[in-house]
Amino acid sequence: MARYILSRGIQSVVTILGISIVVFALARLSGDASALLVPPEATAEDREAIKESLGLNDPVIVQYGIFLKGALTLDFGDSFSYGDDALSVYMNRFPNTIQLALVAAAFAAIGGLLVGVGGAVRPGGIGDRIANFVALMGQAVPSFVLGILMIWLFAVDLGWLPTSGKAGPETYIMPAVALAWYSMAALVRMTRSSMLDVMDTEFVRLARLKGLPERTVIWKHAFRNALLPILTLFSLQFVVFFSGSVIIENIFAWPGIGQLSIQAIQARDYPLVQTIVFISSTLLVLMNLSVDVLYALIDPRIRLS
């Protein structure tokens, strides 16, 4: 097990190093950041002075070395746009993204499990049709399209919910549902499939022959034994909640990391872009590493392979 964890850990470190190179390169492909910071009436000397103060005149390899050293010490420099420490700007928005991801995860888990189990209990029945419909629509309708439709219907037409922003609990509903949409459909498919496999086994039939209530048979015997692949999928979907927030946050003007990343890219704010992408990518790599280790603990065949 220790060898497996060490192997996956080394792979994760190499991945993070590769991410740092890609992040650094892509940030500079967006153009000269000083062009957005220098007023139109500035002289050539003023422009050069600003570029020098920002370190943009240094060789690229030197700039990358400074960035990598800063990443290791969590010192990414000051944001060009905010004039504050880039990491502080990131951390100010980070809780909003996590809150939205947790609410979306709750929606996806509750909806996916209930609809999936309902579809497996009576194959071909109304519950099964609903489960198949949700699974199909989750693949056919992208989350951002659902978000726009919800804004038009519930905010503009009916006036039930606010169109955007983060204030009271009601502002979480539409962005969380849109963010959870794809993952909920995936959980419906997995739950239904896993439950159908278990419902046909001997111990479930034996539980019914004992005269146990149907609810006990379904939730205590069948669902418990169908849970492992569902938990595995759900743990992987949390990465989707985090990474998929970029589009959803911008649609609903949610003040999180996703919205901040677009603003930083538009402003060519190198330190902030690098901070957002590097830290977020590192968190996703660590999430995947945790899932791999957890799955290896549950299923020894993973680490033996």
C-alpha atoms as a PDB file:
ATOM      1  CA  MET A   1       0.000   0.000   0.000  1.00  0.00           C
ATOM      2  CA  ALA A   2       2.863   2.375   0.859  1.00  0.00           C
ATOM      3  CA  ARG A   3       4.423   1.722  -2.560  1.00  0.00           C
ATOM      4  CA  TYR A   4       1.114   2.494  -4.274  1.00  0.00           C
ATOM      5  CA  ILE A   5       0.706   5.775  -2.350  1.00  0.00           C
ATOM      6  CA  LEU A   6       4.324   6.747  -3.131  1.00  0.00           C
ATOM      7  CA  SER A   7       3.812   5.992  -6.834  1.00  0.00           C
ATOM      8  CA  ARG A   8       0.596   8.013  -7.032  1.00  0.00           C
ATOM      9  CA  GLY A   9       2.221  10.812  -5.016  1.00  0.00           C
ATOM     10  CA  ILE A  10       5.148  11.072  -7.456  1.00  0.00           C
ATOM     11  CA  GLN A  11       2.727  11.126 -10.396  1.00  0.00           C
ATOM     12  CA  SER A  12       0.802  13.933  -8.702  1.00  0.00           C
ATOM     13  CA  VAL A  13       3.978  15.997  -8.144  1.00  0.00           C
ATOM     14  CA  VAL A  14       4.969  15.580 -11.813  1.00  0.00           C
ATOM     15  CA  THR A  15       1.440  16.581 -12.853  1.00  0.00           C
ATOM     16  CA  ILE A  16       1.549  19.714 -10.680  1.00  0.00           C
ATOM     17  CA  LEU A  17       4.957  20.653 -12.143  1.00  0.00           C
ATOM     18  CA  GLY A  18       3.544  20.238 -15.656  1.00  0.00           C
ATOM     19  CA  ILE A  19       0.564  22.381 -14.681  1.00  0.00           C
ATOM     20  CA  SER A  20       2.911  25.148 -13.507  1.00  0.00           C
ATOM     21  CA  ILE A  21       4.615  25.233 -16.930  1.00  0.00           C
ATOM     22  CA  VAL A  22       1.311  25.268 -18.828  1.00  0.00           C
ATOM     23  CA  VAL A  23      -0.168  27.959 -16.554  1.00  0.00           C
ATOM     24  CA  PHE A  24       2.883  30.185 -16.940  1.00  0.00           C
ATOM     25  CA  ALA A  25       2.946  29.805 -20.734  1.00  0.00           C
ATOM     26  CA  LEU A  26      -0.783  30.314 -21.307  1.00  0.00           C
ATOM     27  CA  ALA A  27      -0.886  33.417 -19.109  1.00  0.00           C
ATOM     28  CA  ARG A  28       1.694  35.085 -21.334  1.00  0.00           C
ATOM     29  CA  LEU A  29       0.009  34.045 -24.570  1.00  0.00           C
ATOM     30  CA  SER A  30      -2.893  36.351 -23.672  1.00  0.00           C
ATOM     31  CA  GLY A  31      -0.822  39.437 -24.542  1.00  0.00           C
ATOM     32  CA  ASP A  32       1.169  42.186 -22.871  1.00  0.00           C
ATOM     33  CA  ALA A  33      -0.342  42.905 -19.466  1.00  0.00           C
ATOM     34  CA  SER A  34       1.248  46.348 -19.280  1.00  0.00           C
ATOM     35  CA  ALA A  35      -0.851  47.490 -22.270  1.00  0.00           C
ATOM     36  CA  LEU A  36      -3.959  47.449 -20.057  1.00  0.00           C
ATOM     37  CA  LEU A  37      -2.250  49.132 -17.120  1.00  0.00           C
ATOM     38  CA  VAL A  38      -0.610  52.054 -18.920  1.00  0.00           C
ATOM     39  CA  PRO A  39      -2.815  55.100 -19.668  1.00  0.00           C
ATOM     40  CA  PRO A  40      -3.059  56.127 -23.351  1.00  0.00           C
ATOM     41  CA  GLU A  41      -1.172  59.383 -22.758  1.00  0.00           C
ATOM     42  CA  ALA A  42       1.830  57.608 -21.198  1.00  0.00           C
ATOM     43  CA  THR A  43       5.212  57.992 -22.861  1.00  0.00           C
ATOM     44  CA  ALA A  44       7.430  55.139 -24.002  1.00  0.00           C
ATOM     45  CA  GLU A  45       9.612  55.716 -20.941  1.00  0.00           C
ATOM     46  CA  ASP A  46       6.557  55.383 -18.690  1.00  0.00           C
ATOM     47  CA  ARG A  47       5.607  52.116 -20.353  1.00  0.00           C
ATOM     48  CA  GLU A  48       9.089  50.696 -19.907  1.00  0.00           C
ATOM     49  CA  ALA A  49       9.172  51.799 -16.275  1.00  0.00           C
ATOM     50  CA  ILE A  50       5.898  49.998 -15.556  1.00  0.00           C
ATOM     51  CA  LYS A  51       7.064  46.836 -17.327  1.00  0.00           C
ATOM     52  CA  GLU A  52      10.301  46.968 -15.341  1.00  0.00           C
ATOM     53  CA  SER A  53       8.431  47.379 -12.047  1.00  0.00           C
ATOM     54  CA  LEU A  54       6.238  44.375 -12.881  1.00  0.00           C
ATOM     55  CA  GLY A  55       9.218  42.232 -13.855  1.00  0.00           C
ATOM     56  CA  LEU A  56       7.970  41.838 -17.430  1.00  0.00           C
ATOM     57  CA  ASN A  57      11.357  42.802 -18.906  1.00  0.00           C
ATOM     58  CA  ASP A  58      13.090  39.826 -17.280  1.00  0.00           C
ATOM     59  CA  PRO A  59      13.877  36.783 -19.477  1.00  0.00           C
ATOM     60  CA  VAL A  60      11.044  34.273 -19.629  1.00  0.00           C
ATOM     61  CA  ILE A  61      13.041  31.592 -17.817  1.00  0.00           C
ATOM     62  CA  VAL A  62      13.743  34.056 -14.988  1.00  0.00           C
ATOM     63  CA  GLN A  63      10.050  34.943 -14.770  1.00  0.00           C
ATOM     64  CA  TYR A  64       9.163  31.236 -14.594  1.00  0.00           C
ATOM     65  CA  GLY A  65      11.761  30.655 -11.884  1.00  0.00           C
ATOM     66  CA  ILE A  66      10.282  33.495  -9.836  1.00  0.00           C
ATOM     67  CA  PHE A  67       6.794  32.076 -10.356  1.00  0.00           C
ATOM     68  CA  LEU A  68       7.844  28.531  -9.364  1.00  0.00           C
ATOM     69  CA  LYS A  69       9.664  29.779  -6.264  1.00  0.00           C
ATOM     70  CA  GLY A  70       6.607  31.833  -5.337  1.00  0.00           C
ATOM     71  CA  ALA A  71       4.330  28.823  -5.865  1.00  0.00           C
ATOM     72  CA  LEU A  72       6.408  26.728  -3.470  1.00  0.00           C
ATOM     73  CA  THR A  73       6.253  29.456  -0.811  1.00  0.00           C
ATOM     74  CA  LEU A  74       2.665  30.519  -1.644  1.00  0.00           C
ATOM     75  CA  ASP A  75       3.935  33.965  -2.634  1.00  0.00           C
ATOM     76  CA  PHE A  76       2.462  34.650  -6.068  1.00  0.00           C
ATOM     77  CA  GLY A  77       3.090  38.393  -6.018  1.00  0.00           C
ATOM     78  CA  ASP A  78       0.605  41.238  -6.164  1.00  0.00           C
ATOM     79  CA  SER A  79      -2.392  41.280  -8.475  1.00  0.00           C
ATOM     80  CA  PHE A  80      -2.085  43.883 -11.234  1.00  0.00           C
ATOM     81  CA  SER A  81      -5.812  44.649 -11.065  1.00  0.00           C
ATOM     82  CA  TYR A  82      -6.435  44.683  -7.308  1.00  0.00           C
ATOM     83  CA  GLY A  83      -3.061  45.939  -6.094  1.00  0.00           C
ATOM     84  CA  ASP A  84      -3.215  43.340  -3.327  1.00  0.00           C
ATOM     85  CA  ASP A  85      -1.568  39.984  -2.707  1.00  0.00           C
ATOM     86  CA  ALA A  86      -2.876  37.589  -5.385  1.00  0.00           C
ATOM     87  CA  LEU A  87      -3.282  34.760  -2.873  1.00  0.00           C
ATOM     88  CA  SER A  88      -5.371  37.013  -0.599  1.00  0.00           C
ATOM     89  CA  VAL A  89      -7.627  37.927  -3.526  1.00  0.00           C
ATOM     90  CA  TYR A  90      -8.030  34.212  -4.297  1.00  0.00           C
ATOM     91  CA  MET A  91      -8.793  33.276  -0.691  1.00  0.00           C
ATOM     92  CA  ASN A  92     -11.415  36.029  -0.408  1.00  0.00           C
ATOM     93  CA  ARG A  93     -13.422  34.369  -3.206  1.00  0.00           C
ATOM     94  CA  PHE A  94     -12.615  30.728  -2.413  1.00  0.00           C
ATOM     95  CA  PRO A  95     -15.255  30.235   0.351  1.00  0.00           C
ATOM     96  CA  ASN A  96     -18.033  31.325  -2.037  1.00  0.00           C
ATOM     97  CA  THR A  97     -17.044  28.655  -4.569  1.00  0.00           C
ATOM     98  CA  ILE A  98     -16.810  25.968  -1.877  1.00  0.00           C
ATOM     99  CA  GLN A  99     -20.239  26.902  -0.482  1.00  0.00           C
ATOM    100  CA  LEU A 100     -21.815  26.665  -3.933  1.00  0.00           C
ATOM    101  CA  ALA A 101     -20.059  23.339  -4.608  1.00  0.00           C
ATOM    102  CA  LEU A 102     -21.310  21.861  -1.320  1.00  0.00           C
ATOM    103  CA  VAL A 103     -24.917  22.910  -1.973  1.00  0.00           C
ATOM    104  CA  ALA A 104     -24.671  21.519  -5.523  1.00  0.00           C
ATOM    105  CA  ALA A 105     -23.227  18.268  -4.152  1.00  0.00           C
ATOM    106  CA  ALA A 106     -26.167  17.972  -1.748  1.00  0.00           C
ATOM    107  CA  PHE A 107     -28.674  18.555  -4.574  1.00  0.00           C
ATOM    108  CA  ALA A 108     -26.929  16.005  -6.813  1.00  0.00           C
ATOM    109  CA  ALA A 109     -26.670  13.368  -4.071  1.00  0.00           C
ATOM    110  CA  ILE A 110     -30.260  13.657  -2.842  1.00  0.00           C
ATOM    111  CA  GLY A 111     -31.803  13.910  -6.304  1.00  0.00           C
ATOM    112  CA  GLY A 112     -29.553  11.293  -7.896  1.00  0.00           C
ATOM    113  CA  LEU A 113     -30.045   8.683  -5.169  1.00  0.00           C
ATOM    114  CA  LEU A 114     -33.807   9.101  -4.804  1.00  0.00           C
ATOM    115  CA  VAL A 115     -34.515   9.110  -8.547  1.00  0.00           C
ATOM    116  CA  GLY A 116     -32.041   6.286  -9.220  1.00  0.00           C
ATOM    117  CA  VAL A 117     -33.432   4.030  -6.489  1.00  0.00           C
ATOM    118  CA  GLY A 118     -36.980   4.852  -7.583  1.00  0.00           C
ATOM    119  CA  GLY A 119     -36.126   3.790 -11.115  1.00  0.00           C
ATOM    120  CA  ALA A 120     -34.623   0.475 -10.010  1.00  0.00           C
ATOM    121  CA  VAL A 121     -37.427  -0.603  -7.664  1.00  0.00           C
ATOM    122  CA  ARG A 122     -39.986  -1.104 -10.439  1.00  0.00           C
ATOM    123  CA  PRO A 123     -38.290  -1.449 -13.848  1.00  0.00           C
ATOM    124  CA  GLY A 124     -40.553  -0.161 -16.598  1.00  0.00           C
ATOM    125  CA  GLY A 125     -42.732   1.788 -14.161  1.00  0.00           C
ATOM    126  CA  ILE A 126     -43.224   5.524 -13.793  1.00  0.00           C
ATOM    127  CA  GLY A 127     -40.165   5.824 -11.522  1.00  0.00           C
ATOM    128  CA  ASP A 128     -38.008   4.074 -14.104  1.00  0.00           C
ATOM    129  CA  ARG A 129     -39.270   6.391 -16.846  1.00  0.00           C
ATOM    130  CA  ILE A 130     -38.468   9.443 -14.737  1.00  0.00           C
ATOM    131  CA  ALA A 131     -34.974   8.091 -14.024  1.00  0.00           C
ATOM    132  CA  ASN A 132     -34.299   7.442 -17.710  1.00  0.00           C
ATOM    133  CA  PHE A 133     -35.627  10.894 -18.632  1.00  0.00           C
ATOM    134  CA  VAL A 134     -33.414  12.657 -16.066  1.00  0.00           C
ATOM    135  CA  ALA A 135     -30.365  10.637 -17.149  1.00  0.00           C
ATOM    136  CA  LEU A 136     -31.012  11.454 -20.812  1.00  0.00           C
ATOM    137  CA  MET A 137     -31.659  15.165 -20.239  1.00  0.00           C
ATOM    138  CA  GLY A 138     -28.555  15.437 -18.083  1.00  0.00           C
ATOM    139  CA  GLN A 139     -26.499  14.381 -21.090  1.00  0.00           C
ATOM    140  CA  ALA A 140     -28.497  16.319 -23.687  1.00  0.00           C
ATOM    141  CA  VAL A 141     -28.881  19.688 -21.913  1.00  0.00           C
ATOM    142  CA  PRO A 142     -25.632  21.388 -20.802  1.00  0.00           C
ATOM    143  CA  SER A 143     -25.566  23.010 -17.377  1.00  0.00           C
ATOM    144  CA  PHE A 144     -25.124  26.520 -18.757  1.00  0.00           C
ATOM    145  CA  VAL A 145     -28.195  26.120 -20.999  1.00  0.00           C
ATOM    146  CA  LEU A 146     -30.220  24.964 -18.002  1.00  0.00           C
ATOM    147  CA  GLY A 147     -28.934  27.964 -16.048  1.00  0.00           C
ATOM    148  CA  ILE A 148     -30.035  30.422 -18.728  1.00  0.00           C
ATOM    149  CA  LEU A 149     -33.454  28.749 -19.000  1.00  0.00           C
ATOM    150  CA  MET A 150     -33.932  28.919 -15.225  1.00  0.00           C
ATOM    151  CA  ILE A 151     -33.041  32.631 -15.174  1.00  0.00           C
ATOM    152  CA  TRP A 152     -35.568  33.313 -17.930  1.00  0.00           C
ATOM    153  CA  LEU A 153     -38.346  31.271 -16.289  1.00  0.00           C
ATOM    154  CA  PHE A 154     -37.942  31.682 -12.528  1.00  0.00           C
ATOM    155  CA  ALA A 155     -36.303  35.118 -12.364  1.00  0.00           C
ATOM    156  CA  VAL A 156     -37.446  37.102 -15.402  1.00  0.00           C
ATOM    157  CA  ASP A 157     -40.846  35.576 -16.212  1.00  0.00           C
ATOM    158  CA  LEU A 158     -42.164  34.423 -12.818  1.00  0.00           C
ATOM    159  CA  GLY A 159     -40.038  36.647 -10.587  1.00  0.00           C
ATOM    160  CA  TRP A 160     -39.676  33.944  -7.931  1.00  0.00           C
ATOM    161  CA  LEU A 161     -35.887  34.054  -7.598  1.00  0.00           C
ATOM    162  CA  PRO A 162     -33.165  36.710  -7.996  1.00  0.00           C
ATOM    163  CA  THR A 163     -31.334  36.655 -11.317  1.00  0.00           C
ATOM    164  CA  SER A 164     -27.805  36.790  -9.938  1.00  0.00           C
ATOM    165  CA  GLY A 165     -25.494  37.556  -7.045  1.00  0.00           C
ATOM    166  CA  LYS A 166     -24.997  36.045  -3.602  1.00  0.00           C
ATOM    167  CA  ALA A 167     -27.219  37.246  -0.772  1.00  0.00           C
ATOM    168  CA  GLY A 168     -29.853  35.114   0.970  1.00  0.00           C
ATOM    169  CA  PRO A 169     -30.422  31.347   0.737  1.00  0.00           C
ATOM    170  CA  GLU A 170     -32.657  31.791  -2.324  1.00  0.00           C
ATOM    171  CA  THR A 171     -29.673  32.968  -4.391  1.00  0.00           C
ATOM    172  CA  TYR A 172     -28.090  29.499  -4.063  1.00  0.00           C
ATOM    173  CA  ILE A 173     -30.966  27.607  -5.671  1.00  0.00           C
ATOM    174  CA  MET A 174     -30.530  28.223  -9.404  1.00  0.00           C
ATOM    175  CA  PRO A 175     -26.698  28.174  -9.607  1.00  0.00           C
ATOM    176  CA  ALA A 176     -26.524  25.079  -7.382  1.00  0.00           C
ATOM    177  CA  VAL A 177     -29.138  23.218  -9.446  1.00  0.00           C
ATOM    178  CA  ALA A 178     -27.358  24.146 -12.690  1.00  0.00           C
ATOM    179  CA  LEU A 179     -23.999  23.059 -11.262  1.00  0.00           C
ATOM    180  CA  ALA A 180     -25.470  19.791  -9.940  1.00  0.00           C
ATOM    181  CA  TRP A 181     -27.397  18.956 -13.123  1.00  0.00           C
ATOM    182  CA  TYR A 182     -24.838  16.814 -14.966  1.00  0.00           C
ATOM    183  CA  SER A 183     -23.599  15.067 -11.823  1.00  0.00           C
ATOM    184  CA  MET A 184     -27.127  14.271 -10.677  1.00  0.00           C
ATOM    185  CA  ALA A 185     -27.867  12.619 -14.029  1.00  0.00           C
ATOM    186  CA  ALA A 186     -24.662  10.565 -13.742  1.00  0.00           C
ATOM    187  CA  LEU A 187     -25.615   9.487 -10.213  1.00  0.00           C
ATOM    188  CA  VAL A 188     -29.112   8.520 -11.406  1.00  0.00           C
ATOM    189  CA  ARG A 189     -27.598   6.233 -14.056  1.00  0.00           C
ATOM    190  CA  MET A 190     -25.088   4.677 -11.669  1.00  0.00           C
ATOM    191  CA  THR A 191     -27.583   4.237  -8.813  1.00  0.00           C
ATOM    192  CA  ARG A 192     -30.211   2.665 -11.058  1.00  0.00           C
ATOM    193  CA  SER A 193     -27.691   0.299 -12.681  1.00  0.00           C
ATOM    194  CA  SER A 194     -26.064  -0.712  -9.397  1.00  0.00           C
ATOM    195  CA  MET A 195     -29.421  -1.241  -7.679  1.00  0.00           C
ATOM    196  CA  LEU A 196     -30.734  -3.379 -10.549  1.00  0.00           C
ATOM    197  CA  ASP A 197     -27.687  -5.640 -10.212  1.00  0.00           C
ATOM    198  CA  VAL A 198     -28.261  -6.052  -6.475  1.00  0.00           C
ATOM    199  CA  MET A 199     -32.059  -6.399  -6.540  1.00  0.00           C
ATOM    200  CA  ASP A 200     -31.732  -9.700  -8.421  1.00  0.00           C
ATOM    201  CA  THR A 201     -29.394 -11.349  -5.917  1.00  0.00           C
ATOM    202  CA  GLU A 202     -30.161 -14.184  -3.518  1.00  0.00           C
ATOM    203  CA  PHE A 203     -29.910 -12.212  -0.285  1.00  0.00           C
ATOM    204  CA  VAL A 204     -32.477  -9.637  -1.479  1.00  0.00           C
ATOM    205  CA  ARG A 205     -34.905 -12.397  -2.461  1.00  0.00           C
ATOM    206  CA  LEU A 206     -34.263 -14.066   0.905  1.00  0.00           C
ATOM    207  CA  ALA A 207     -35.006 -10.808   2.733  1.00  0.00           C
ATOM    208  CA  ARG A 208     -38.344 -10.594   0.921  1.00  0.00           C
ATOM    209  CA  LEU A 209     -39.148 -14.232   1.727  1.00  0.00           C
ATOM    210  CA  LYS A 210     -38.597 -13.423   5.409  1.00  0.00           C
ATOM    211  CA  GLY A 211     -41.447 -10.938   5.126  1.00  0.00           C
ATOM    212  CA  LEU A 212     -39.363  -7.828   5.770  1.00  0.00           C
ATOM    213  CA  PRO A 213     -40.976  -4.510   4.783  1.00  0.00           C
ATOM    214  CA  GLU A 214     -40.148  -3.448   1.230  1.00  0.00           C
ATOM    215  CA  ARG A 215     -38.578  -0.222   2.481  1.00  0.00           C
ATOM    216  CA  THR A 216     -36.190  -2.236   4.691  1.00  0.00           C
ATOM    217  CA  VAL A 217     -35.312  -4.563   1.826  1.00  0.00           C
ATOM    218  CA  ILE A 218     -34.552  -1.668  -0.511  1.00  0.00           C
ATOM    219  CA  TRP A 219     -32.623   0.677   1.768  1.00  0.00           C
ATOM    220  CA  LYS A 220     -31.015  -1.640   4.329  1.00  0.00           C
ATOM    221  CA  HIS A 221     -30.167  -4.651   2.179  1.00  0.00           C
ATOM    222  CA  ALA A 222     -30.115  -3.655  -1.500  1.00  0.00           C
ATOM    223  CA  PHE A 223     -28.936  -0.037  -1.304  1.00  0.00           C
ATOM    224  CA  ARG A 224     -26.171  -0.746   1.203  1.00  0.00           C
ATOM    225  CA  ASN A 225     -24.662  -3.394  -1.083  1.00  0.00           C
ATOM    226  CA  ALA A 226     -24.985  -1.162  -4.157  1.00  0.00           C
ATOM    227  CA  LEU A 227     -23.264   1.791  -2.497  1.00  0.00           C
ATOM    228  CA  LEU A 228     -19.566   1.271  -3.364  1.00  0.00           C
ATOM    229  CA  PRO A 229     -19.660   2.249  -7.077  1.00  0.00           C
ATOM    230  CA  ILE A 230     -22.060   5.084  -6.240  1.00  0.00           C
ATOM    231  CA  LEU A 231     -19.668   6.519  -3.638  1.00  0.00           C
ATOM    232  CA  THR A 232     -16.767   6.198  -6.064  1.00  0.00           C
ATOM    233  CA  LEU A 233     -18.620   8.121  -8.763  1.00  0.00           C
ATOM    234  CA  PHE A 234     -19.806  10.776  -6.310  1.00  0.00           C
ATOM    235  CA  SER A 235     -16.285  11.408  -5.023  1.00  0.00           C
ATOM    236  CA  LEU A 236     -15.125  11.954  -8.599  1.00  0.00           C
ATOM    237  CA  GLN A 237     -18.077  14.252  -9.300  1.00  0.00           C
ATOM    238  CA  PHE A 238     -16.981  16.669  -6.574  1.00  0.00           C
ATOM    239  CA  VAL A 239     -14.123  17.605  -8.892  1.00  0.00           C
ATOM    240  CA  VAL A 240     -16.791  18.498 -11.473  1.00  0.00           C
ATOM    241  CA  PHE A 241     -18.580  20.727  -8.954  1.00  0.00           C
ATOM    242  CA  PHE A 242     -15.364  22.638  -8.362  1.00  0.00           C
ATOM    243  CA  SER A 243     -14.102  22.909 -11.944  1.00  0.00           C
ATOM    244  CA  GLY A 244     -17.522  23.411 -13.543  1.00  0.00           C
ATOM    245  CA  SER A 245     -18.174  26.515 -11.488  1.00  0.00           C
ATOM    246  CA  VAL A 246     -16.310  28.759 -13.964  1.00  0.00           C
ATOM    247  CA  ILE A 247     -19.215  28.974 -16.430  1.00  0.00           C
ATOM    248  CA  ILE A 248     -22.011  28.775 -13.861  1.00  0.00           C
ATOM    249  CA  GLU A 249     -20.531  31.508 -11.658  1.00  0.00           C
ATOM    250  CA  ASN A 250     -20.283  33.868 -14.607  1.00  0.00           C
ATOM    251  CA  ILE A 251     -23.860  33.174 -15.716  1.00  0.00           C
ATOM    252  CA  PHE A 252     -25.227  33.922 -12.240  1.00  0.00           C
ATOM    253  CA  ALA A 253     -22.630  36.608 -11.322  1.00  0.00           C
ATOM    254  CA  TRP A 254     -21.604  34.460  -8.364  1.00  0.00           C
ATOM    255  CA  PRO A 255     -18.604  36.075  -6.602  1.00  0.00           C
ATOM    256  CA  GLY A 256     -16.396  32.997  -6.591  1.00  0.00           C
ATOM    257  CA  ILE A 257     -13.192  31.703  -8.144  1.00  0.00           C
ATOM    258  CA  GLY A 258     -14.866  30.993 -11.495  1.00  0.00           C
ATOM    259  CA  GLN A 259     -15.973  34.589 -11.966  1.00  0.00           C
ATOM    260  CA  LEU A 260     -12.630  35.877 -10.678  1.00  0.00           C
ATOM    261  CA  SER A 261     -10.722  33.752 -13.200  1.00  0.00           C
ATOM    262  CA  ILE A 262     -12.552  35.278 -16.181  1.00  0.00           C
ATOM    263  CA  GLN A 263     -12.014  38.793 -14.816  1.00  0.00           C
ATOM    264  CA  ALA A 264      -8.301  38.095 -14.319  1.00  0.00           C
ATOM    265  CA  ILE A 265      -7.915  36.703 -17.854  1.00  0.00           C
ATOM    266  CA  GLN A 266      -9.669  39.707 -19.388  1.00  0.00           C
ATOM    267  CA  ALA A 267      -7.393  42.053 -17.427  1.00  0.00           C
ATOM    268  CA  ARG A 268      -4.279  40.008 -18.331  1.00  0.00           C
ATOM    269  CA  ASP A 269      -3.511  39.876 -14.628  1.00  0.00           C
ATOM    270  CA  TYR A 270      -0.633  37.364 -14.775  1.00  0.00           C
ATOM    271  CA  PRO A 271      -0.115  36.888 -11.012  1.00  0.00           C
ATOM    272  CA  LEU A 272      -3.826  36.405 -10.354  1.00  0.00           C
ATOM    273  CA  VAL A 273      -4.363  34.063 -13.331  1.00  0.00           C
ATOM    274  CA  GLN A 274      -1.376  31.970 -12.286  1.00  0.00           C
ATOM    275  CA  THR A 275      -2.576  31.869  -8.678  1.00  0.00           C
ATOM    276  CA  ILE A 276      -6.110  30.809  -9.608  1.00  0.00           C
ATOM    277  CA  VAL A 277      -5.159  28.114 -12.102  1.00  0.00           C
ATOM    278  CA  PHE A 278      -2.190  26.738 -10.153  1.00  0.00           C
ATOM    279  CA  ILE A 279      -3.932  26.472  -6.772  1.00  0.00           C
ATOM    280  CA  SER A 280      -7.215  25.211  -8.245  1.00  0.00           C
ATOM    281  CA  SER A 281      -5.418  22.616 -10.380  1.00  0.00           C
ATOM    282  CA  THR A 282      -3.315  21.508  -7.419  1.00  0.00           C
ATOM    283  CA  LEU A 283      -6.458  21.074  -5.320  1.00  0.00           C
ATOM    284  CA  LEU A 284      -8.040  18.971  -8.079  1.00  0.00           C
ATOM    285  CA  VAL A 285      -4.916  16.792  -8.346  1.00  0.00           C
ATOM    286  CA  LEU A 286      -4.942  16.276  -4.569  1.00  0.00           C
ATOM    287  CA  MET A 287      -8.662  15.431  -4.677  1.00  0.00           C
ATOM    288  CA  ASN A 288      -8.014  12.792  -7.337  1.00  0.00           C
ATOM    289  CA  LEU A 289      -5.080  11.431  -5.323  1.00  0.00           C
ATOM    290  CA  SER A 290      -7.293  11.144  -2.231  1.00  0.00           C
ATOM    291  CA  VAL A 291      -9.963   9.315  -4.231  1.00  0.00           C
ATOM    292  CA  ASP A 292      -7.369   6.899  -5.671  1.00  0.00           C
ATOM    293  CA  VAL A 293      -5.962   6.112  -2.222  1.00  0.00           C
ATOM    294  CA  LEU A 294      -9.435   5.713  -0.716  1.00  0.00           C
ATOM    295  CA  TYR A 295     -10.507   3.392  -3.521  1.00  0.00           C
ATOM    296  CA  ALA A 296      -7.303   1.348  -3.121  1.00  0.00           C
ATOM    297  CA  LEU A 297      -8.073   0.934   0.580  1.00  0.00           C
ATOM    298  CA  ILE A 298     -11.579  -0.269  -0.237  1.00  0.00           C
ATOM    299  CA  ASP A 299     -10.620  -2.510  -3.171  1.00  0.00           C
ATOM    300  CA  PRO A 300      -7.178  -4.223  -2.842  1.00  0.00           C
ATOM    301  CA  ARG A 301      -7.243  -5.182  -6.543  1.00  0.00           C
ATOM    302  CA  ILE A 302      -6.532  -1.539  -7.437  1.00  0.00           C
ATOM    303  CA  ARG A 303      -3.183  -1.354  -5.625  1.00  0.00           C
ATOM    304  CA  LEU A 304      -2.183  -4.875  -6.708  1.00  0.00           C
ATOM    305  CA  SER A 305      -2.604  -3.900 -10.357  1.00  0.00           C
END
